[in-house]
Amino acid sequence: MPNECYTSEKYTQLERKKLFEDKWAVVGVASSLLNKGDAKPFDLLGIPIIILRDDQNKIRVFHNVCSHRGHKILQKHCKIKNVIRCPYHSWSYDLEGKLISTPHIGGVGKHETEDFDKS
């Protein structure tokens, strides 16, 4: 193969699309998250993800993006106790990735609204 295949952005994008985009990928090993609540951010081909060990000792992977304003949730390896909380507006997710808290979504002091489905 010519050198260009290893150095060209064009080939990188082609390889990403054809080989990785719709396939499973290994992003780490379970031993890197030893304890319940251990979590770390990871960038997978430009896609920000969170890898964590939940309270049932199961490894989970989520997009590292808040569904509210698209803010990155985790910046560095950390210990999560009960919820994954976005630092921007404090939207919170349980350790299974379900949105559980939407502070002030209905206005100041109103944390629920009929017009918004959390699922």
N, C-alpha and C. Protein backbone atom coordinates (compact mmCIF):
# COMPACT_ATOMS: atom_id res chain seq x y z
N MET A 1 0.84 -1.17 0.00
CA MET A 1 0.00 0.00 0.00
C MET A 1 0.89 1.24 0.00
N PRO A 2 0.48 2.27 -0.70
CA PRO A 2 1.28 3.50 -0.74
C PRO A 2 1.24 4.22 0.62
N ASN A 3 2.27 5.02 0.89
CA ASN A 3 2.37 5.77 2.15
C ASN A 3 1.13 6.62 2.42
N GLU A 4 0.53 7.13 1.37
CA GLU A 4 -0.65 7.99 1.51
C GLU A 4 -1.77 7.30 2.31
N CYS A 5 -1.84 5.99 2.18
CA CYS A 5 -2.88 5.24 2.91
C CYS A 5 -2.72 5.36 4.42
N TYR A 6 -1.50 5.63 4.88
CA TYR A 6 -1.23 5.72 6.31
C TYR A 6 -1.21 7.16 6.83
N THR A 7 -1.15 8.12 5.93
CA THR A 7 -0.99 9.52 6.36
C THR A 7 -2.11 10.45 5.91
N SER A 8 -2.91 10.03 4.97
CA SER A 8 -3.93 10.91 4.40
C SER A 8 -5.22 10.92 5.22
N GLU A 9 -5.76 12.12 5.46
CA GLU A 9 -7.04 12.26 6.16
C GLU A 9 -8.16 11.60 5.35
N LYS A 10 -8.05 11.65 4.04
CA LYS A 10 -9.04 11.03 3.15
C LYS A 10 -9.13 9.53 3.42
N TYR A 11 -7.97 8.87 3.53
CA TYR A 11 -7.96 7.44 3.80
C TYR A 11 -8.42 7.13 5.23
N THR A 12 -8.09 8.01 6.14
CA THR A 12 -8.54 7.83 7.53
C THR A 12 -10.07 7.83 7.58
N GLN A 13 -10.69 8.78 6.91
CA GLN A 13 -12.15 8.87 6.90
C GLN A 13 -12.78 7.67 6.20
N LEU A 14 -12.17 7.23 5.10
CA LEU A 14 -12.67 6.06 4.38
C LEU A 14 -12.57 4.81 5.26
N GLU A 15 -11.44 4.63 5.92
CA GLU A 15 -11.25 3.50 6.81
C GLU A 15 -12.25 3.53 7.97
N ARG A 16 -12.44 4.70 8.52
CA ARG A 16 -13.40 4.86 9.62
C ARG A 16 -14.80 4.43 9.17
N LYS A 17 -15.22 4.91 8.01
CA LYS A 17 -16.56 4.60 7.50
C LYS A 17 -16.72 3.12 7.17
N LYS A 18 -15.75 2.55 6.47
CA LYS A 18 -15.87 1.17 5.98
C LYS A 18 -15.57 0.11 7.04
N LEU A 19 -14.67 0.42 7.98
CA LEU A 19 -14.23 -0.61 8.92
C LEU A 19 -14.78 -0.46 10.34
N PHE A 20 -15.07 0.76 10.77
CA PHE A 20 -15.40 0.97 12.17
C PHE A 20 -16.78 1.53 12.45
N GLU A 21 -17.34 2.28 11.54
CA GLU A 21 -18.54 3.06 11.82
C GLU A 21 -19.73 2.25 12.33
N ASP A 22 -19.97 1.10 11.77
CA ASP A 22 -21.15 0.31 12.16
C ASP A 22 -20.77 -1.04 12.78
N LYS A 23 -19.59 -1.10 13.39
CA LYS A 23 -19.10 -2.35 13.98
C LYS A 23 -18.84 -2.14 15.47
N TRP A 24 -18.78 -3.23 16.21
CA TRP A 24 -18.39 -3.17 17.61
C TRP A 24 -16.91 -2.83 17.69
N ALA A 25 -16.51 -2.15 18.74
CA ALA A 25 -15.11 -1.81 18.94
C ALA A 25 -14.75 -1.98 20.42
N VAL A 26 -13.56 -2.48 20.67
CA VAL A 26 -13.07 -2.59 22.04
C VAL A 26 -12.56 -1.22 22.46
N VAL A 27 -13.04 -0.72 23.59
CA VAL A 27 -12.61 0.60 24.06
C VAL A 27 -11.88 0.52 25.40
N GLY A 28 -11.72 -0.68 25.92
CA GLY A 28 -11.01 -0.82 27.18
C GLY A 28 -11.22 -2.21 27.75
N VAL A 29 -10.65 -2.41 28.92
CA VAL A 29 -10.80 -3.69 29.61
C VAL A 29 -11.46 -3.44 30.96
N ALA A 30 -12.20 -4.41 31.43
CA ALA A 30 -12.94 -4.25 32.69
C ALA A 30 -12.02 -3.92 33.86
N SER A 31 -10.79 -4.40 33.83
CA SER A 31 -9.87 -4.16 34.94
C SER A 31 -9.46 -2.69 35.07
N SER A 32 -9.77 -1.87 34.07
CA SER A 32 -9.45 -0.44 34.19
C SER A 32 -10.51 0.30 35.01
N LEU A 33 -11.62 -0.38 35.30
CA LEU A 33 -12.68 0.17 36.16
C LEU A 33 -12.92 -0.85 37.27
N LEU A 34 -12.10 -0.81 38.28
CA LEU A 34 -12.12 -1.84 39.31
C LEU A 34 -13.31 -1.79 40.25
N ASN A 35 -13.75 -0.58 40.59
CA ASN A 35 -14.77 -0.43 41.63
C ASN A 35 -16.09 0.08 41.08
N LYS A 36 -17.17 -0.26 41.77
CA LYS A 36 -18.48 0.26 41.39
C LYS A 36 -18.43 1.78 41.39
N GLY A 37 -18.96 2.40 40.34
CA GLY A 37 -18.96 3.85 40.22
C GLY A 37 -17.77 4.42 39.48
N ASP A 38 -16.75 3.61 39.22
CA ASP A 38 -15.61 4.10 38.44
C ASP A 38 -16.08 4.44 37.03
N ALA A 39 -15.68 5.61 36.55
CA ALA A 39 -16.11 6.06 35.22
C ALA A 39 -14.99 6.85 34.57
N LYS A 40 -14.90 6.74 33.25
CA LYS A 40 -13.91 7.55 32.54
C LYS A 40 -14.42 7.90 31.16
N PRO A 41 -14.03 9.08 30.70
CA PRO A 41 -14.40 9.49 29.35
C PRO A 41 -13.42 8.88 28.35
N PHE A 42 -13.88 8.71 27.13
CA PHE A 42 -13.05 8.15 26.06
C PHE A 42 -13.53 8.73 24.74
N ASP A 43 -12.62 8.95 23.84
CA ASP A 43 -12.98 9.45 22.51
C ASP A 43 -12.81 8.31 21.52
N LEU A 44 -13.90 7.85 20.94
CA LEU A 44 -13.87 6.75 19.99
C LEU A 44 -14.11 7.30 18.59
N LEU A 45 -13.02 7.49 17.86
CA LEU A 45 -13.10 8.00 16.48
C LEU A 45 -13.89 9.31 16.41
N GLY A 46 -13.66 10.18 17.39
CA GLY A 46 -14.34 11.47 17.40
C GLY A 46 -15.68 11.47 18.11
N ILE A 47 -16.09 10.33 18.62
CA ILE A 47 -17.36 10.23 19.35
C ILE A 47 -17.05 10.16 20.85
N PRO A 48 -17.47 11.16 21.63
CA PRO A 48 -17.19 11.13 23.06
C PRO A 48 -18.10 10.13 23.78
N ILE A 49 -17.48 9.21 24.55
CA ILE A 49 -18.25 8.21 25.28
C ILE A 49 -17.82 8.18 26.74
N ILE A 50 -18.66 7.60 27.57
CA ILE A 50 -18.36 7.34 28.98
C ILE A 50 -18.37 5.82 29.16
N ILE A 51 -17.34 5.32 29.83
CA ILE A 51 -17.28 3.91 30.21
C ILE A 51 -17.39 3.88 31.73
N LEU A 52 -18.32 3.09 32.27
CA LEU A 52 -18.45 3.06 33.73
C LEU A 52 -18.82 1.67 34.24
N ARG A 53 -18.51 1.46 35.51
CA ARG A 53 -18.94 0.24 36.21
C ARG A 53 -20.10 0.65 37.11
N ASP A 54 -21.29 0.09 36.84
CA ASP A 54 -22.48 0.52 37.58
C ASP A 54 -22.57 -0.14 38.96
N ASP A 55 -23.63 0.15 39.69
CA ASP A 55 -23.79 -0.36 41.05
C ASP A 55 -24.11 -1.86 41.09
N GLN A 56 -24.36 -2.46 39.94
CA GLN A 56 -24.56 -3.91 39.84
C GLN A 56 -23.28 -4.60 39.35
N ASN A 57 -22.20 -3.83 39.26
CA ASN A 57 -20.88 -4.30 38.82
C ASN A 57 -20.82 -4.58 37.32
N LYS A 58 -21.74 -4.02 36.56
CA LYS A 58 -21.81 -4.21 35.12
C LYS A 58 -21.11 -3.04 34.42
N ILE A 59 -20.34 -3.34 33.37
CA ILE A 59 -19.69 -2.29 32.58
C ILE A 59 -20.71 -1.74 31.59
N ARG A 60 -20.81 -0.42 31.53
CA ARG A 60 -21.75 0.25 30.63
C ARG A 60 -21.01 1.31 29.84
N VAL A 61 -21.54 1.60 28.65
CA VAL A 61 -20.96 2.64 27.79
C VAL A 61 -22.09 3.53 27.29
N PHE A 62 -21.89 4.85 27.42
CA PHE A 62 -22.88 5.84 26.99
C PHE A 62 -22.19 6.94 26.20
N HIS A 63 -22.96 7.68 25.44
CA HIS A 63 -22.45 8.90 24.83
C HIS A 63 -22.12 9.88 25.95
N ASN A 64 -20.99 10.54 25.85
CA ASN A 64 -20.57 11.52 26.85
C ASN A 64 -21.09 12.90 26.46
N VAL A 65 -22.39 12.97 26.25
CA VAL A 65 -23.03 14.20 25.80
C VAL A 65 -24.38 14.31 26.49
N CYS A 66 -24.63 15.44 27.12
CA CYS A 66 -25.92 15.67 27.77
C CYS A 66 -26.99 15.89 26.70
N SER A 67 -28.15 15.29 26.89
CA SER A 67 -29.23 15.44 25.91
C SER A 67 -29.86 16.83 25.94
N HIS A 68 -29.51 17.64 26.92
CA HIS A 68 -30.08 18.98 27.03
C HIS A 68 -29.43 19.96 26.06
N ARG A 69 -28.15 20.22 26.22
CA ARG A 69 -27.45 21.20 25.39
C ARG A 69 -26.20 20.65 24.72
N GLY A 70 -26.01 19.33 24.79
CA GLY A 70 -24.87 18.72 24.11
C GLY A 70 -23.54 18.90 24.81
N HIS A 71 -23.56 19.32 26.08
CA HIS A 71 -22.33 19.54 26.84
C HIS A 71 -21.70 18.19 27.20
N LYS A 72 -20.36 18.11 27.18
CA LYS A 72 -19.69 16.89 27.65
C LYS A 72 -19.94 16.74 29.14
N ILE A 73 -20.28 15.53 29.55
CA ILE A 73 -20.63 15.28 30.94
C ILE A 73 -19.38 15.03 31.79
N LEU A 74 -18.54 14.11 31.36
CA LEU A 74 -17.31 13.81 32.10
C LEU A 74 -16.10 14.39 31.38
N GLN A 75 -15.19 14.96 32.15
CA GLN A 75 -13.95 15.51 31.60
C GLN A 75 -12.76 14.62 31.92
N LYS A 76 -12.85 13.85 33.03
CA LYS A 76 -11.73 13.01 33.45
C LYS A 76 -12.25 11.81 34.23
N HIS A 77 -11.37 10.84 34.45
CA HIS A 77 -11.69 9.65 35.23
C HIS A 77 -12.21 10.09 36.60
N CYS A 78 -13.30 9.47 37.06
CA CYS A 78 -13.87 9.88 38.34
C CYS A 78 -14.64 8.72 38.97
N LYS A 79 -15.15 8.97 40.16
CA LYS A 79 -16.00 8.03 40.88
C LYS A 79 -17.40 8.62 40.91
N ILE A 80 -18.38 7.87 40.41
CA ILE A 80 -19.78 8.31 40.40
C ILE A 80 -20.52 7.54 41.48
N LYS A 81 -21.23 8.26 42.34
CA LYS A 81 -21.94 7.58 43.44
C LYS A 81 -23.32 7.10 43.03
N ASN A 82 -24.22 8.01 42.73
CA ASN A 82 -25.61 7.63 42.42
C ASN A 82 -26.08 8.08 41.06
N VAL A 83 -25.61 9.23 40.61
CA VAL A 83 -26.08 9.78 39.34
C VAL A 83 -24.92 10.35 38.54
N ILE A 84 -25.14 10.39 37.23
CA ILE A 84 -24.22 11.07 36.32
C ILE A 84 -24.84 12.44 36.09
N ARG A 85 -24.14 13.48 36.51
CA ARG A 85 -24.71 14.83 36.47
C ARG A 85 -23.93 15.70 35.49
N CYS A 86 -24.65 16.33 34.57
CA CYS A 86 -24.02 17.26 33.63
C CYS A 86 -23.61 18.52 34.40
N PRO A 87 -22.37 18.99 34.22
CA PRO A 87 -21.93 20.18 34.95
C PRO A 87 -22.54 21.48 34.43
N TYR A 88 -23.19 21.44 33.28
CA TYR A 88 -23.71 22.67 32.67
C TYR A 88 -25.01 23.13 33.33
N HIS A 89 -26.06 22.30 33.29
CA HIS A 89 -27.35 22.66 33.89
C HIS A 89 -27.85 21.60 34.88
N SER A 90 -26.99 20.68 35.26
CA SER A 90 -27.30 19.64 36.26
C SER A 90 -28.35 18.63 35.84
N TRP A 91 -28.57 18.46 34.53
CA TRP A 91 -29.43 17.35 34.13
C TRP A 91 -28.72 16.09 34.59
N SER A 92 -29.48 15.11 35.09
CA SER A 92 -28.88 13.94 35.71
C SER A 92 -29.43 12.65 35.13
N TYR A 93 -28.56 11.65 35.12
CA TYR A 93 -28.88 10.34 34.56
C TYR A 93 -28.54 9.28 35.60
N ASP A 94 -29.32 8.19 35.62
CA ASP A 94 -28.96 7.11 36.53
C ASP A 94 -27.82 6.31 35.90
N LEU A 95 -27.34 5.30 36.61
CA LEU A 95 -26.19 4.54 36.12
C LEU A 95 -26.55 3.57 35.00
N GLU A 96 -27.81 3.56 34.58
CA GLU A 96 -28.22 2.81 33.40
C GLU A 96 -28.40 3.74 32.21
N GLY A 97 -28.13 5.04 32.41
CA GLY A 97 -28.21 6.01 31.33
C GLY A 97 -29.56 6.69 31.17
N LYS A 98 -30.51 6.39 32.04
CA LYS A 98 -31.85 6.99 31.95
C LYS A 98 -31.84 8.40 32.55
N LEU A 99 -32.44 9.35 31.82
CA LEU A 99 -32.57 10.71 32.31
C LEU A 99 -33.53 10.73 33.50
N ILE A 100 -33.06 11.22 34.66
CA ILE A 100 -33.89 11.18 35.86
C ILE A 100 -34.18 12.55 36.46
N SER A 101 -33.42 13.57 36.08
CA SER A 101 -33.64 14.88 36.67
C SER A 101 -33.40 15.98 35.63
N THR A 102 -34.36 16.90 35.55
CA THR A 102 -34.28 18.02 34.60
C THR A 102 -34.58 19.33 35.34
N PRO A 103 -33.62 19.82 36.13
CA PRO A 103 -33.87 21.03 36.92
C PRO A 103 -34.34 22.21 36.08
N HIS A 104 -35.39 22.84 36.56
CA HIS A 104 -35.93 24.09 36.00
C HIS A 104 -36.41 23.98 34.55
N ILE A 105 -36.75 22.77 34.10
CA ILE A 105 -37.21 22.62 32.71
C ILE A 105 -38.52 23.36 32.45
N GLY A 106 -39.34 23.49 33.47
CA GLY A 106 -40.61 24.20 33.31
C GLY A 106 -40.56 25.63 33.80
N GLY A 107 -39.36 26.13 34.08
CA GLY A 107 -39.20 27.48 34.63
C GLY A 107 -38.51 27.39 35.99
N VAL A 108 -38.24 28.51 36.59
CA VAL A 108 -37.54 28.54 37.87
C VAL A 108 -38.31 27.73 38.92
N GLY A 109 -37.62 26.74 39.50
CA GLY A 109 -38.22 25.91 40.54
C GLY A 109 -39.16 24.83 40.03
N LYS A 110 -39.37 24.74 38.73
CA LYS A 110 -40.26 23.72 38.15
C LYS A 110 -39.41 22.68 37.42
N HIS A 111 -39.33 21.49 38.03
CA HIS A 111 -38.42 20.47 37.53
C HIS A 111 -39.11 19.43 36.64
N GLU A 112 -40.37 19.61 36.38
CA GLU A 112 -41.15 18.73 35.50
C GLU A 112 -42.02 19.61 34.60
N THR A 113 -42.39 19.07 33.45
CA THR A 113 -43.35 19.73 32.57
C THR A 113 -44.05 18.66 31.73
N GLU A 114 -45.31 18.85 31.46
CA GLU A 114 -46.07 17.87 30.68
C GLU A 114 -45.57 17.77 29.25
N ASP A 115 -44.95 18.83 28.76
CA ASP A 115 -44.52 18.88 27.36
C ASP A 115 -43.22 18.13 27.08
N PHE A 116 -42.59 17.58 28.11
CA PHE A 116 -41.29 16.93 27.92
C PHE A 116 -41.32 15.51 28.44
N ASP A 117 -40.97 14.57 27.58
CA ASP A 117 -40.90 13.16 27.94
C ASP A 117 -39.43 12.80 28.17
N LYS A 118 -39.08 12.34 29.35
CA LYS A 118 -37.69 12.03 29.68
C LYS A 118 -37.16 10.78 29.00
N SER A 119 -38.03 9.95 28.45
CA SER A 119 -37.55 8.69 27.86
C SER A 119 -36.88 8.83 26.55
